[in-house]
Amino acid sequence: MEYIYASMLLHSARKPITEESIRNILKAADIEVDDIKVKALVAALKEVNIDDVIKSTVLPVAPTVTQTATVTATTTEEKEEKEEKKEEKAEEVMAEGLGALFG
């Protein structure tokens, strides 16, 4: 990933992405440089328009506060409904038990 980060940094700075510049960035970050990876990256990026790739990339969007609140409220309501049903069943069971005592 460091190699990609180095190339993105160079692209962002509007500098040419060369083997030497990637090596210099990695060395400055105290990262051991693999020359084969550097050569492969530079060769692969020669065929890529980085701006187009960035524009076409779909980034996941975090849910908004409203969406999160709605999900939380729905979950809370569902839990409350389940609790009410449990209470109703418990009352029915108690009523049946009392009916058996007096029936």
PDB file of N, CA and C in Angstrom:
ATOM      1  N   MET A   1       0.814  -1.193   0.000  1.00  0.00           N
ATOM      2  CA  MET A   1       0.000   0.000   0.000  1.00  0.00           C
ATOM      3  C   MET A   1       0.861   1.263   0.000  1.00  0.00           C
ATOM      4  N   GLU A   2       2.025   1.167   0.621  1.00  0.00           N
ATOM      5  CA  GLU A   2       2.883   2.346   0.702  1.00  0.00           C
ATOM      6  C   GLU A   2       3.269   2.854  -0.686  1.00  0.00           C
ATOM      7  N   TYR A   3       3.417   1.924  -1.613  1.00  0.00           N
ATOM      8  CA  TYR A   3       3.806   2.300  -2.970  1.00  0.00           C
ATOM      9  C   TYR A   3       2.681   3.098  -3.638  1.00  0.00           C
ATOM     10  N   ILE A   4       1.465   2.650  -3.421  1.00  0.00           N
ATOM     11  CA  ILE A   4       0.304   3.367  -3.967  1.00  0.00           C
ATOM     12  C   ILE A   4       0.191   4.741  -3.315  1.00  0.00           C
ATOM     13  N   TYR A   5       0.371   4.778  -1.995  1.00  0.00           N
ATOM     14  CA  TYR A   5       0.301   6.068  -1.293  1.00  0.00           C
ATOM     15  C   TYR A   5       1.344   7.039  -1.833  1.00  0.00           C
ATOM     16  N   ALA A   6       2.543   6.530  -2.079  1.00  0.00           N
ATOM     17  CA  ALA A   6       3.610   7.384  -2.617  1.00  0.00           C
ATOM     18  C   ALA A   6       3.220   7.929  -3.989  1.00  0.00           C
ATOM     19  N   SER A   7       2.635   7.065  -4.826  1.00  0.00           N
ATOM     20  CA  SER A   7       2.231   7.538  -6.152  1.00  0.00           C
ATOM     21  C   SER A   7       1.083   8.534  -6.059  1.00  0.00           C
ATOM     22  N   MET A   8       0.161   8.329  -5.126  1.00  0.00           N
ATOM     23  CA  MET A   8      -0.946   9.277  -4.947  1.00  0.00           C
ATOM     24  C   MET A   8      -0.432  10.625  -4.434  1.00  0.00           C
ATOM     25  N   LEU A   9       0.549  10.581  -3.572  1.00  0.00           N
ATOM     26  CA  LEU A   9       1.148  11.817  -3.070  1.00  0.00           C
ATOM     27  C   LEU A   9       1.798  12.586  -4.219  1.00  0.00           C
ATOM     28  N   LEU A  10       2.522  11.893  -5.054  1.00  0.00           N
ATOM     29  CA  LEU A  10       3.149  12.545  -6.211  1.00  0.00           C
ATOM     30  C   LEU A  10       2.092  13.105  -7.156  1.00  0.00           C
ATOM     31  N   HIS A  11       1.053  12.355  -7.403  1.00  0.00           N
ATOM     32  CA  HIS A  11      -0.026  12.820  -8.277  1.00  0.00           C
ATOM     33  C   HIS A  11      -0.683  14.071  -7.697  1.00  0.00           C
ATOM     34  N   SER A  12      -0.950  14.041  -6.401  1.00  0.00           N
ATOM     35  CA  SER A  12      -1.580  15.179  -5.726  1.00  0.00           C
ATOM     36  C   SER A  12      -0.709  16.434  -5.804  1.00  0.00           C
ATOM     37  N   ALA A  13       0.604  16.221  -5.755  1.00  0.00           N
ATOM     38  CA  ALA A  13       1.547  17.340  -5.829  1.00  0.00           C
ATOM     39  C   ALA A  13       1.849  17.730  -7.277  1.00  0.00           C
ATOM     40  N   ARG A  14       1.193  17.067  -8.216  1.00  0.00           N
ATOM     41  CA  ARG A  14       1.388  17.335  -9.651  1.00  0.00           C
ATOM     42  C   ARG A  14       2.841  17.108 -10.079  1.00  0.00           C
ATOM     43  N   LYS A  15       3.453  16.078  -9.493  1.00  0.00           N
ATOM     44  CA  LYS A  15       4.835  15.702  -9.838  1.00  0.00           C
ATOM     45  C   LYS A  15       4.790  14.425 -10.673  1.00  0.00           C
ATOM     46  N   PRO A  16       5.767  14.230 -11.518  1.00  0.00           N
ATOM     47  CA  PRO A  16       5.790  12.999 -12.318  1.00  0.00           C
ATOM     48  C   PRO A  16       6.028  11.773 -11.428  1.00  0.00           C
ATOM     49  N   ILE A  17       5.320  10.696 -11.752  1.00  0.00           N
ATOM     50  CA  ILE A  17       5.469   9.458 -10.982  1.00  0.00           C
ATOM     51  C   ILE A  17       6.567   8.637 -11.651  1.00  0.00           C
ATOM     52  N   THR A  18       7.743   8.725 -11.042  1.00  0.00           N
ATOM     53  CA  THR A  18       8.903   8.016 -11.571  1.00  0.00           C
ATOM     54  C   THR A  18       9.425   7.052 -10.524  1.00  0.00           C
ATOM     55  N   GLU A  19      10.255   6.124 -10.983  1.00  0.00           N
ATOM     56  CA  GLU A  19      10.854   5.166 -10.043  1.00  0.00           C
ATOM     57  C   GLU A  19      11.651   5.898  -8.972  1.00  0.00           C
ATOM     58  N   GLU A  20      12.425   6.874  -9.403  1.00  0.00           N
ATOM     59  CA  GLU A  20      13.269   7.620  -8.462  1.00  0.00           C
ATOM     60  C   GLU A  20      12.430   8.368  -7.420  1.00  0.00           C
ATOM     61  N   SER A  21      11.358   9.022  -7.866  1.00  0.00           N
ATOM     62  CA  SER A  21      10.555   9.795  -6.919  1.00  0.00           C
ATOM     63  C   SER A  21       9.836   8.881  -5.923  1.00  0.00           C
ATOM     64  N   ILE A  22       9.371   7.727  -6.375  1.00  0.00           N
ATOM     65  CA  ILE A  22       8.722   6.787  -5.449  1.00  0.00           C
ATOM     66  C   ILE A  22       9.746   6.255  -4.456  1.00  0.00           C
ATOM     67  N   ARG A  23      10.930   5.890  -4.946  1.00  0.00           N
ATOM     68  CA  ARG A  23      11.993   5.426  -4.044  1.00  0.00           C
ATOM     69  C   ARG A  23      12.318   6.489  -2.993  1.00  0.00           C
ATOM     70  N   ASN A  24      12.426   7.736  -3.426  1.00  0.00           N
ATOM     71  CA  ASN A  24      12.769   8.820  -2.486  1.00  0.00           C
ATOM     72  C   ASN A  24      11.698   8.981  -1.397  1.00  0.00           C
ATOM     73  N   ILE A  25      10.448   8.903  -1.778  1.00  0.00           N
ATOM     74  CA  ILE A  25       9.372   9.041  -0.785  1.00  0.00           C
ATOM     75  C   ILE A  25       9.416   7.883   0.202  1.00  0.00           C
ATOM     76  N   LEU A  26       9.568   6.670  -0.315  1.00  0.00           N
ATOM     77  CA  LEU A  26       9.592   5.503   0.570  1.00  0.00           C
ATOM     78  C   LEU A  26      10.796   5.537   1.506  1.00  0.00           C
ATOM     79  N   LYS A  27      11.937   5.930   0.979  1.00  0.00           N
ATOM     80  CA  LYS A  27      13.136   6.038   1.823  1.00  0.00           C
ATOM     81  C   LYS A  27      12.948   7.116   2.891  1.00  0.00           C
ATOM     82  N   ALA A  28      12.317   8.219   2.509  1.00  0.00           N
ATOM     83  CA  ALA A  28      12.087   9.296   3.485  1.00  0.00           C
ATOM     84  C   ALA A  28      11.157   8.822   4.612  1.00  0.00           C
ATOM     85  N   ALA A  29      10.287   7.878   4.300  1.00  0.00           N
ATOM     86  CA  ALA A  29       9.372   7.333   5.304  1.00  0.00           C
ATOM     87  C   ALA A  29      10.005   6.139   6.022  1.00  0.00           C
ATOM     88  N   ASP A  30      11.278   5.871   5.752  1.00  0.00           N
ATOM     89  CA  ASP A  30      12.026   4.777   6.362  1.00  0.00           C
ATOM     90  C   ASP A  30      11.390   3.414   6.051  1.00  0.00           C
ATOM     91  N   ILE A  31      10.986   3.267   4.784  1.00  0.00           N
ATOM     92  CA  ILE A  31      10.396   2.017   4.318  1.00  0.00           C
ATOM     93  C   ILE A  31      11.398   1.352   3.383  1.00  0.00           C
ATOM     94  N   GLU A  32      11.629   0.066   3.591  1.00  0.00           N
ATOM     95  CA  GLU A  32      12.547  -0.666   2.734  1.00  0.00           C
ATOM     96  C   GLU A  32      11.938  -0.767   1.340  1.00  0.00           C
ATOM     97  N   VAL A  33      12.696  -0.383   0.342  1.00  0.00           N
ATOM     98  CA  VAL A  33      12.191  -0.299  -1.031  1.00  0.00           C
ATOM     99  C   VAL A  33      12.470  -1.585  -1.787  1.00  0.00           C
ATOM    100  N   ASP A  34      11.430  -2.098  -2.435  1.00  0.00           N
ATOM    101  CA  ASP A  34      11.551  -3.261  -3.320  1.00  0.00           C
ATOM    102  C   ASP A  34      11.527  -2.720  -4.749  1.00  0.00           C
ATOM    103  N   ASP A  35      12.687  -2.750  -5.415  1.00  0.00           N
ATOM    104  CA  ASP A  35      12.815  -2.165  -6.750  1.00  0.00           C
ATOM    105  C   ASP A  35      11.868  -2.796  -7.769  1.00  0.00           C
ATOM    106  N   ILE A  36      11.579  -4.082  -7.621  1.00  0.00           N
ATOM    107  CA  ILE A  36      10.673  -4.755  -8.560  1.00  0.00           C
ATOM    108  C   ILE A  36       9.267  -4.173  -8.433  1.00  0.00           C
ATOM    109  N   LYS A  37       8.831  -3.952  -7.207  1.00  0.00           N
ATOM    110  CA  LYS A  37       7.502  -3.362  -6.998  1.00  0.00           C
ATOM    111  C   LYS A  37       7.441  -1.932  -7.547  1.00  0.00           C
ATOM    112  N   VAL A  38       8.515  -1.192  -7.342  1.00  0.00           N
ATOM    113  CA  VAL A  38       8.555   0.190  -7.843  1.00  0.00           C
ATOM    114  C   VAL A  38       8.447   0.198  -9.358  1.00  0.00           C
ATOM    115  N   LYS A  39       9.225  -0.645 -10.023  1.00  0.00           N
ATOM    116  CA  LYS A  39       9.195  -0.701 -11.494  1.00  0.00           C
ATOM    117  C   LYS A  39       7.827  -1.132 -12.002  1.00  0.00           C
ATOM    118  N   ALA A  40       7.231  -2.128 -11.351  1.00  0.00           N
ATOM    119  CA  ALA A  40       5.917  -2.621 -11.769  1.00  0.00           C
ATOM    120  C   ALA A  40       4.851  -1.535 -11.594  1.00  0.00           C
ATOM    121  N   LEU A  41       4.916  -0.816 -10.502  1.00  0.00           N
ATOM    122  CA  LEU A  41       3.941   0.247 -10.245  1.00  0.00           C
ATOM    123  C   LEU A  41       4.051   1.358 -11.280  1.00  0.00           C
ATOM    124  N   VAL A  42       5.255   1.823 -11.516  1.00  0.00           N
ATOM    125  CA  VAL A  42       5.457   2.915 -12.472  1.00  0.00           C
ATOM    126  C   VAL A  42       5.012   2.477 -13.869  1.00  0.00           C
ATOM    127  N   ALA A  43       5.330   1.238 -14.243  1.00  0.00           N
ATOM    128  CA  ALA A  43       4.921   0.737 -15.560  1.00  0.00           C
ATOM    129  C   ALA A  43       3.399   0.641 -15.654  1.00  0.00           C
ATOM    130  N   ALA A  44       2.750   0.184 -14.598  1.00  0.00           N
ATOM    131  CA  ALA A  44       1.290   0.054 -14.602  1.00  0.00           C
ATOM    132  C   ALA A  44       0.610   1.419 -14.648  1.00  0.00           C
ATOM    133  N   LEU A  45       1.162   2.388 -13.955  1.00  0.00           N
ATOM    134  CA  LEU A  45       0.534   3.711 -13.892  1.00  0.00           C
ATOM    135  C   LEU A  45       0.719   4.537 -15.159  1.00  0.00           C
ATOM    136  N   LYS A  46       1.661   4.131 -16.014  1.00  0.00           N
ATOM    137  CA  LYS A  46       1.852   4.854 -17.281  1.00  0.00           C
ATOM    138  C   LYS A  46       0.605   4.750 -18.145  1.00  0.00           C
ATOM    139  N   GLU A  47      -0.141   3.682 -18.006  1.00  0.00           N
ATOM    140  CA  GLU A  47      -1.328   3.428 -18.820  1.00  0.00           C
ATOM    141  C   GLU A  47      -2.609   3.932 -18.156  1.00  0.00           C
ATOM    142  N   VAL A  48      -2.503   4.553 -16.986  1.00  0.00           N
ATOM    143  CA  VAL A  48      -3.692   4.922 -16.209  1.00  0.00           C
ATOM    144  C   VAL A  48      -3.815   6.436 -16.089  1.00  0.00           C
ATOM    145  N   ASN A  49      -5.018   6.927 -16.317  1.00  0.00           N
ATOM    146  CA  ASN A  49      -5.310   8.336 -16.042  1.00  0.00           C
ATOM    147  C   ASN A  49      -5.869   8.384 -14.620  1.00  0.00           C
ATOM    148  N   ILE A  50      -5.038   8.758 -13.679  1.00  0.00           N
ATOM    149  CA  ILE A  50      -5.403   8.702 -12.267  1.00  0.00           C
ATOM    150  C   ILE A  50      -6.618   9.570 -11.963  1.00  0.00           C
ATOM    151  N   ASP A  51      -6.719  10.734 -12.578  1.00  0.00           N
ATOM    152  CA  ASP A  51      -7.874  11.604 -12.347  1.00  0.00           C
ATOM    153  C   ASP A  51      -9.182  10.915 -12.736  1.00  0.00           C
ATOM    154  N   ASP A  52      -9.184  10.217 -13.872  1.00  0.00           N
ATOM    155  CA  ASP A  52     -10.383   9.501 -14.305  1.00  0.00           C
ATOM    156  C   ASP A  52     -10.735   8.369 -13.339  1.00  0.00           C
ATOM    157  N   VAL A  53      -9.723   7.676 -12.866  1.00  0.00           N
ATOM    158  CA  VAL A  53      -9.971   6.577 -11.919  1.00  0.00           C
ATOM    159  C   VAL A  53     -10.569   7.125 -10.629  1.00  0.00           C
ATOM    160  N   ILE A  54     -10.043   8.224 -10.145  1.00  0.00           N
ATOM    161  CA  ILE A  54     -10.561   8.827  -8.909  1.00  0.00           C
ATOM    162  C   ILE A  54     -12.005   9.275  -9.109  1.00  0.00           C
ATOM    163  N   LYS A  55     -12.305   9.882 -10.246  1.00  0.00           N
ATOM    164  CA  LYS A  55     -13.664  10.349 -10.517  1.00  0.00           C
ATOM    165  C   LYS A  55     -14.653   9.201 -10.641  1.00  0.00           C
ATOM    166  N   SER A  56     -14.217   8.089 -11.204  1.00  0.00           N
ATOM    167  CA  SER A  56     -15.129   6.970 -11.438  1.00  0.00           C
ATOM    168  C   SER A  56     -15.249   6.022 -10.250  1.00  0.00           C
ATOM    169  N   THR A  57     -14.431   6.214  -9.246  1.00  0.00           N
ATOM    170  CA  THR A  57     -14.482   5.341  -8.085  1.00  0.00           C
ATOM    171  C   THR A  57     -15.702   5.669  -7.236  1.00  0.00           C
ATOM    172  N   VAL A  58     -16.430   4.625  -6.871  1.00  0.00           N
ATOM    173  CA  VAL A  58     -17.600   4.799  -6.005  1.00  0.00           C
ATOM    174  C   VAL A  58     -17.143   4.581  -4.573  1.00  0.00           C
ATOM    175  N   LEU A  59     -17.313   5.613  -3.778  1.00  0.00           N
ATOM    176  CA  LEU A  59     -16.928   5.517  -2.381  1.00  0.00           C
ATOM    177  C   LEU A  59     -18.148   5.219  -1.527  1.00  0.00           C
ATOM    178  N   PRO A  60     -18.008   4.337  -0.546  1.00  0.00           N
ATOM    179  CA  PRO A  60     -19.142   4.080   0.334  1.00  0.00           C
ATOM    180  C   PRO A  60     -19.471   5.331   1.136  1.00  0.00           C
ATOM    181  N   VAL A  61     -20.746   5.569   1.321  1.00  0.00           N
ATOM    182  CA  VAL A  61     -21.184   6.747   2.051  1.00  0.00           C
ATOM    183  C   VAL A  61     -21.677   6.314   3.416  1.00  0.00           C
ATOM    184  N   ALA A  62     -21.207   6.982   4.428  1.00  0.00           N
ATOM    185  CA  ALA A  62     -21.646   6.672   5.783  1.00  0.00           C
ATOM    186  C   ALA A  62     -23.100   7.093   5.939  1.00  0.00           C
ATOM    187  N   PRO A  63     -23.882   6.327   6.705  1.00  0.00           N
ATOM    188  CA  PRO A  63     -25.279   6.712   6.897  1.00  0.00           C
ATOM    189  C   PRO A  63     -25.374   8.050   7.615  1.00  0.00           C
ATOM    190  N   THR A  64     -26.390   8.803   7.256  1.00  0.00           N
ATOM    191  CA  THR A  64     -26.574  10.095   7.899  1.00  0.00           C
ATOM    192  C   THR A  64     -27.104   9.899   9.301  1.00  0.00           C
ATOM    193  N   VAL A  65     -27.057  10.946  10.074  1.00  0.00           N
ATOM    194  CA  VAL A  65     -27.552  10.887  11.447  1.00  0.00           C
ATOM    195  C   VAL A  65     -29.032  10.512  11.446  1.00  0.00           C
ATOM    196  N   THR A  66     -29.799  11.042  10.517  1.00  0.00           N
ATOM    197  CA  THR A  66     -31.230  10.748  10.446  1.00  0.00           C
ATOM    198  C   THR A  66     -31.463   9.274  10.163  1.00  0.00           C
ATOM    199  N   GLN A  67     -30.707   8.702   9.233  1.00  0.00           N
ATOM    200  CA  GLN A  67     -30.864   7.289   8.926  1.00  0.00           C
ATOM    201  C   GLN A  67     -30.507   6.440  10.132  1.00  0.00           C
ATOM    202  N   THR A  68     -29.448   6.779  10.815  1.00  0.00           N
ATOM    203  CA  THR A  68     -29.028   6.032  11.989  1.00  0.00           C
ATOM    204  C   THR A  68     -30.080   6.128  13.085  1.00  0.00           C
ATOM    205  N   ALA A  69     -30.621   7.316  13.301  1.00  0.00           N
ATOM    206  CA  ALA A  69     -31.647   7.509  14.322  1.00  0.00           C
ATOM    207  C   ALA A  69     -32.901   6.711  13.986  1.00  0.00           C
ATOM    208  N   THR A  70     -33.268   6.647  12.727  1.00  0.00           N
ATOM    209  CA  THR A  70     -34.445   5.893  12.308  1.00  0.00           C
ATOM    210  C   THR A  70     -34.256   4.409  12.578  1.00  0.00           C
ATOM    211  N   VAL A  71     -33.098   3.888  12.237  1.00  0.00           N
ATOM    212  CA  VAL A  71     -32.814   2.477  12.486  1.00  0.00           C
ATOM    213  C   VAL A  71     -32.846   2.196  13.980  1.00  0.00           C
ATOM    214  N   THR A  72     -32.244   3.064  14.771  1.00  0.00           N
ATOM    215  CA  THR A  72     -32.225   2.887  16.220  1.00  0.00           C
ATOM    216  C   THR A  72     -33.636   2.937  16.785  1.00  0.00           C
ATOM    217  N   ALA A  73     -34.444   3.893  16.330  1.00  0.00           N
ATOM    218  CA  ALA A  73     -35.814   4.015  16.818  1.00  0.00           C
ATOM    219  C   ALA A  73     -36.629   2.783  16.445  1.00  0.00           C
ATOM    220  N   THR A  74     -36.455   2.286  15.226  1.00  0.00           N
ATOM    221  CA  THR A  74     -37.180   1.095  14.779  1.00  0.00           C
ATOM    222  C   THR A  74     -36.790  -0.100  15.632  1.00  0.00           C
ATOM    223  N   THR A  75     -35.517  -0.262  15.887  1.00  0.00           N
ATOM    224  CA  THR A  75     -35.043  -1.372  16.706  1.00  0.00           C
ATOM    225  C   THR A  75     -35.606  -1.268  18.115  1.00  0.00           C
ATOM    226  N   THR A  76     -35.637  -0.082  18.678  1.00  0.00           N
ATOM    227  CA  THR A  76     -36.166   0.123  20.020  1.00  0.00           C
ATOM    228  C   THR A  76     -37.654  -0.192  20.062  1.00  0.00           C
ATOM    229  N   GLU A  77     -38.382   0.236  19.057  1.00  0.00           N
ATOM    230  CA  GLU A  77     -39.820  -0.038  18.993  1.00  0.00           C
ATOM    231  C   GLU A  77     -40.079  -1.535  18.895  1.00  0.00           C
ATOM    232  N   GLU A  78     -39.298  -2.232  18.087  1.00  0.00           N
ATOM    233  CA  GLU A  78     -39.460  -3.672  17.948  1.00  0.00           C
ATOM    234  C   GLU A  78     -39.212  -4.370  19.283  1.00  0.00           C
ATOM    235  N   LYS A  79     -38.206  -3.944  20.004  1.00  0.00           N
ATOM    236  CA  LYS A  79     -37.904  -4.536  21.313  1.00  0.00           C
ATOM    237  C   LYS A  79     -39.054  -4.292  22.282  1.00  0.00           C
ATOM    238  N   GLU A  80     -39.598  -3.079  22.270  1.00  0.00           N
ATOM    239  CA  GLU A  80     -40.712  -2.757  23.160  1.00  0.00           C
ATOM    240  C   GLU A  80     -41.929  -3.614  22.833  1.00  0.00           C
ATOM    241  N   GLU A  81     -42.212  -3.804  21.531  1.00  0.00           N
ATOM    242  CA  GLU A  81     -43.350  -4.632  21.128  1.00  0.00           C
ATOM    243  C   GLU A  81     -43.166  -6.071  21.587  1.00  0.00           C
ATOM    244  N   LYS A  82     -41.955  -6.610  21.475  1.00  0.00           N
ATOM    245  CA  LYS A  82     -41.680  -7.971  21.924  1.00  0.00           C
ATOM    246  C   LYS A  82     -41.893  -8.092  23.431  1.00  0.00           C
ATOM    247  N   GLU A  83     -41.438  -7.090  24.170  1.00  0.00           N
ATOM    248  CA  GLU A  83     -41.612  -7.097  25.622  1.00  0.00           C
ATOM    249  C   GLU A  83     -43.100  -7.071  25.989  1.00  0.00           C
ATOM    250  N   GLU A  84     -43.883  -6.242  25.290  1.00  0.00           N
ATOM    251  CA  GLU A  84     -45.321  -6.163  25.554  1.00  0.00           C
ATOM    252  C   GLU A  84     -45.996  -7.500  25.285  1.00  0.00           C
ATOM    253  N   LYS A  85     -45.611  -8.172  24.199  1.00  0.00           N
ATOM    254  CA  LYS A  85     -46.190  -9.473  23.873  1.00  0.00           C
ATOM    255  C   LYS A  85     -45.847 -10.495  24.938  1.00  0.00           C
ATOM    256  N   LYS A  86     -44.605 -10.458  25.447  1.00  0.00           N
ATOM    257  CA  LYS A  86     -44.197 -11.379  26.504  1.00  0.00           C
ATOM    258  C   LYS A  86     -45.029 -11.139  27.761  1.00  0.00           C
ATOM    259  N   GLU A  87     -45.239  -9.867  28.084  1.00  0.00           N
ATOM    260  CA  GLU A  87     -46.036  -9.532  29.265  1.00  0.00           C
ATOM    261  C   GLU A  87     -47.479 -10.000  29.106  1.00  0.00           C
ATOM    262  N   GLU A  88     -48.049  -9.807  27.914  1.00  0.00           N
ATOM    263  CA  GLU A  88     -49.418 -10.244  27.652  1.00  0.00           C
ATOM    264  C   GLU A  88     -49.538 -11.756  27.793  1.00  0.00           C
ATOM    265  N   LYS A  89     -48.571 -12.504  27.261  1.00  0.00           N
ATOM    266  CA  LYS A  89     -48.591 -13.956  27.369  1.00  0.00           C
ATOM    267  C   LYS A  89     -48.485 -14.386  28.826  1.00  0.00           C
ATOM    268  N   ALA A  90     -47.617 -13.710  29.586  1.00  0.00           N
ATOM    269  CA  ALA A  90     -47.464 -14.043  30.995  1.00  0.00           C
ATOM    270  C   ALA A  90     -48.767 -13.804  31.742  1.00  0.00           C
ATOM    271  N   GLU A  91     -49.468 -12.716  31.418  1.00  0.00           N
ATOM    272  CA  GLU A  91     -50.749 -12.428  32.058  1.00  0.00           C
ATOM    273  C   GLU A  91     -51.787 -13.487  31.702  1.00  0.00           C
ATOM    274  N   GLU A  92     -51.787 -13.937  30.437  1.00  0.00           N
ATOM    275  CA  GLU A  92     -52.725 -14.975  30.012  1.00  0.00           C
ATOM    276  C   GLU A  92     -52.466 -16.267  30.760  1.00  0.00           C
ATOM    277  N   VAL A  93     -51.214 -16.633  30.915  1.00  0.00           N
ATOM    278  CA  VAL A  93     -50.853 -17.855  31.628  1.00  0.00           C
ATOM    279  C   VAL A  93     -51.296 -17.760  33.085  1.00  0.00           C
ATOM    280  N   MET A  94     -51.088 -16.598  33.703  1.00  0.00           N
ATOM    281  CA  MET A  94     -51.509 -16.415  35.099  1.00  0.00           C
ATOM    282  C   MET A  94     -53.022 -16.498  35.207  1.00  0.00           C
ATOM    283  N   ALA A  95     -53.739 -15.909  34.249  1.00  0.00           N
ATOM    284  CA  ALA A  95     -55.204 -15.942  34.277  1.00  0.00           C
ATOM    285  C   ALA A  95     -55.710 -17.371  34.131  1.00  0.00           C
ATOM    286  N   GLU A  96     -55.061 -18.148  33.253  1.00  0.00           N
ATOM    287  CA  GLU A  96     -55.463 -19.541  33.099  1.00  0.00           C
ATOM    288  C   GLU A  96     -55.228 -20.316  34.393  1.00  0.00           C
ATOM    289  N   GLY A  97     -54.112 -20.037  35.044  1.00  0.00           N
ATOM    290  CA  GLY A  97     -53.808 -20.705  36.315  1.00  0.00           C
ATOM    291  C   GLY A  97     -54.816 -20.366  37.390  1.00  0.00           C
ATOM    292  N   LEU A  98     -55.204 -19.097  37.477  1.00  0.00           N
ATOM    293  CA  LEU A  98     -56.211 -18.672  38.462  1.00  0.00           C
ATOM    294  C   LEU A  98     -57.562 -19.279  38.130  1.00  0.00           C
ATOM    295  N   GLY A  99     -57.894 -19.342  36.845  1.00  0.00           N
ATOM    296  CA  GLY A  99     -59.169 -19.946  36.422  1.00  0.00           C
ATOM    297  C   GLY A  99     -59.243 -21.406  36.825  1.00  0.00           C
ATOM    298  N   ALA A 100     -58.120 -22.115  36.729  1.00  0.00           N
ATOM    299  CA  ALA A 100     -58.100 -23.522  37.101  1.00  0.00           C
ATOM    300  C   ALA A 100     -58.311 -23.681  38.602  1.00  0.00           C
ATOM    301  N   LEU A 101     -57.829 -22.716  39.384  1.00  0.00           N
ATOM    302  CA  LEU A 101     -58.014 -22.809  40.843  1.00  0.00           C
ATOM    303  C   LEU A 101     -59.469 -22.603  41.237  1.00  0.00           C
ATOM    304  N   PHE A 102     -60.170 -21.718  40.541  1.00  0.00           N
ATOM    305  CA  PHE A 102     -61.531 -21.392  40.918  1.00  0.00           C
ATOM    306  C   PHE A 102     -62.576 -22.078  40.037  1.00  0.00           C
ATOM    307  N   GLY A 103     -62.160 -22.871  39.081  1.00  0.00           N
ATOM    308  CA  GLY A 103     -63.094 -23.464  38.139  1.00  0.00           C
ATOM    309  C   GLY A 103     -63.581 -24.802  38.502  1.00  0.00           C
TER     310      GLY A 103
END
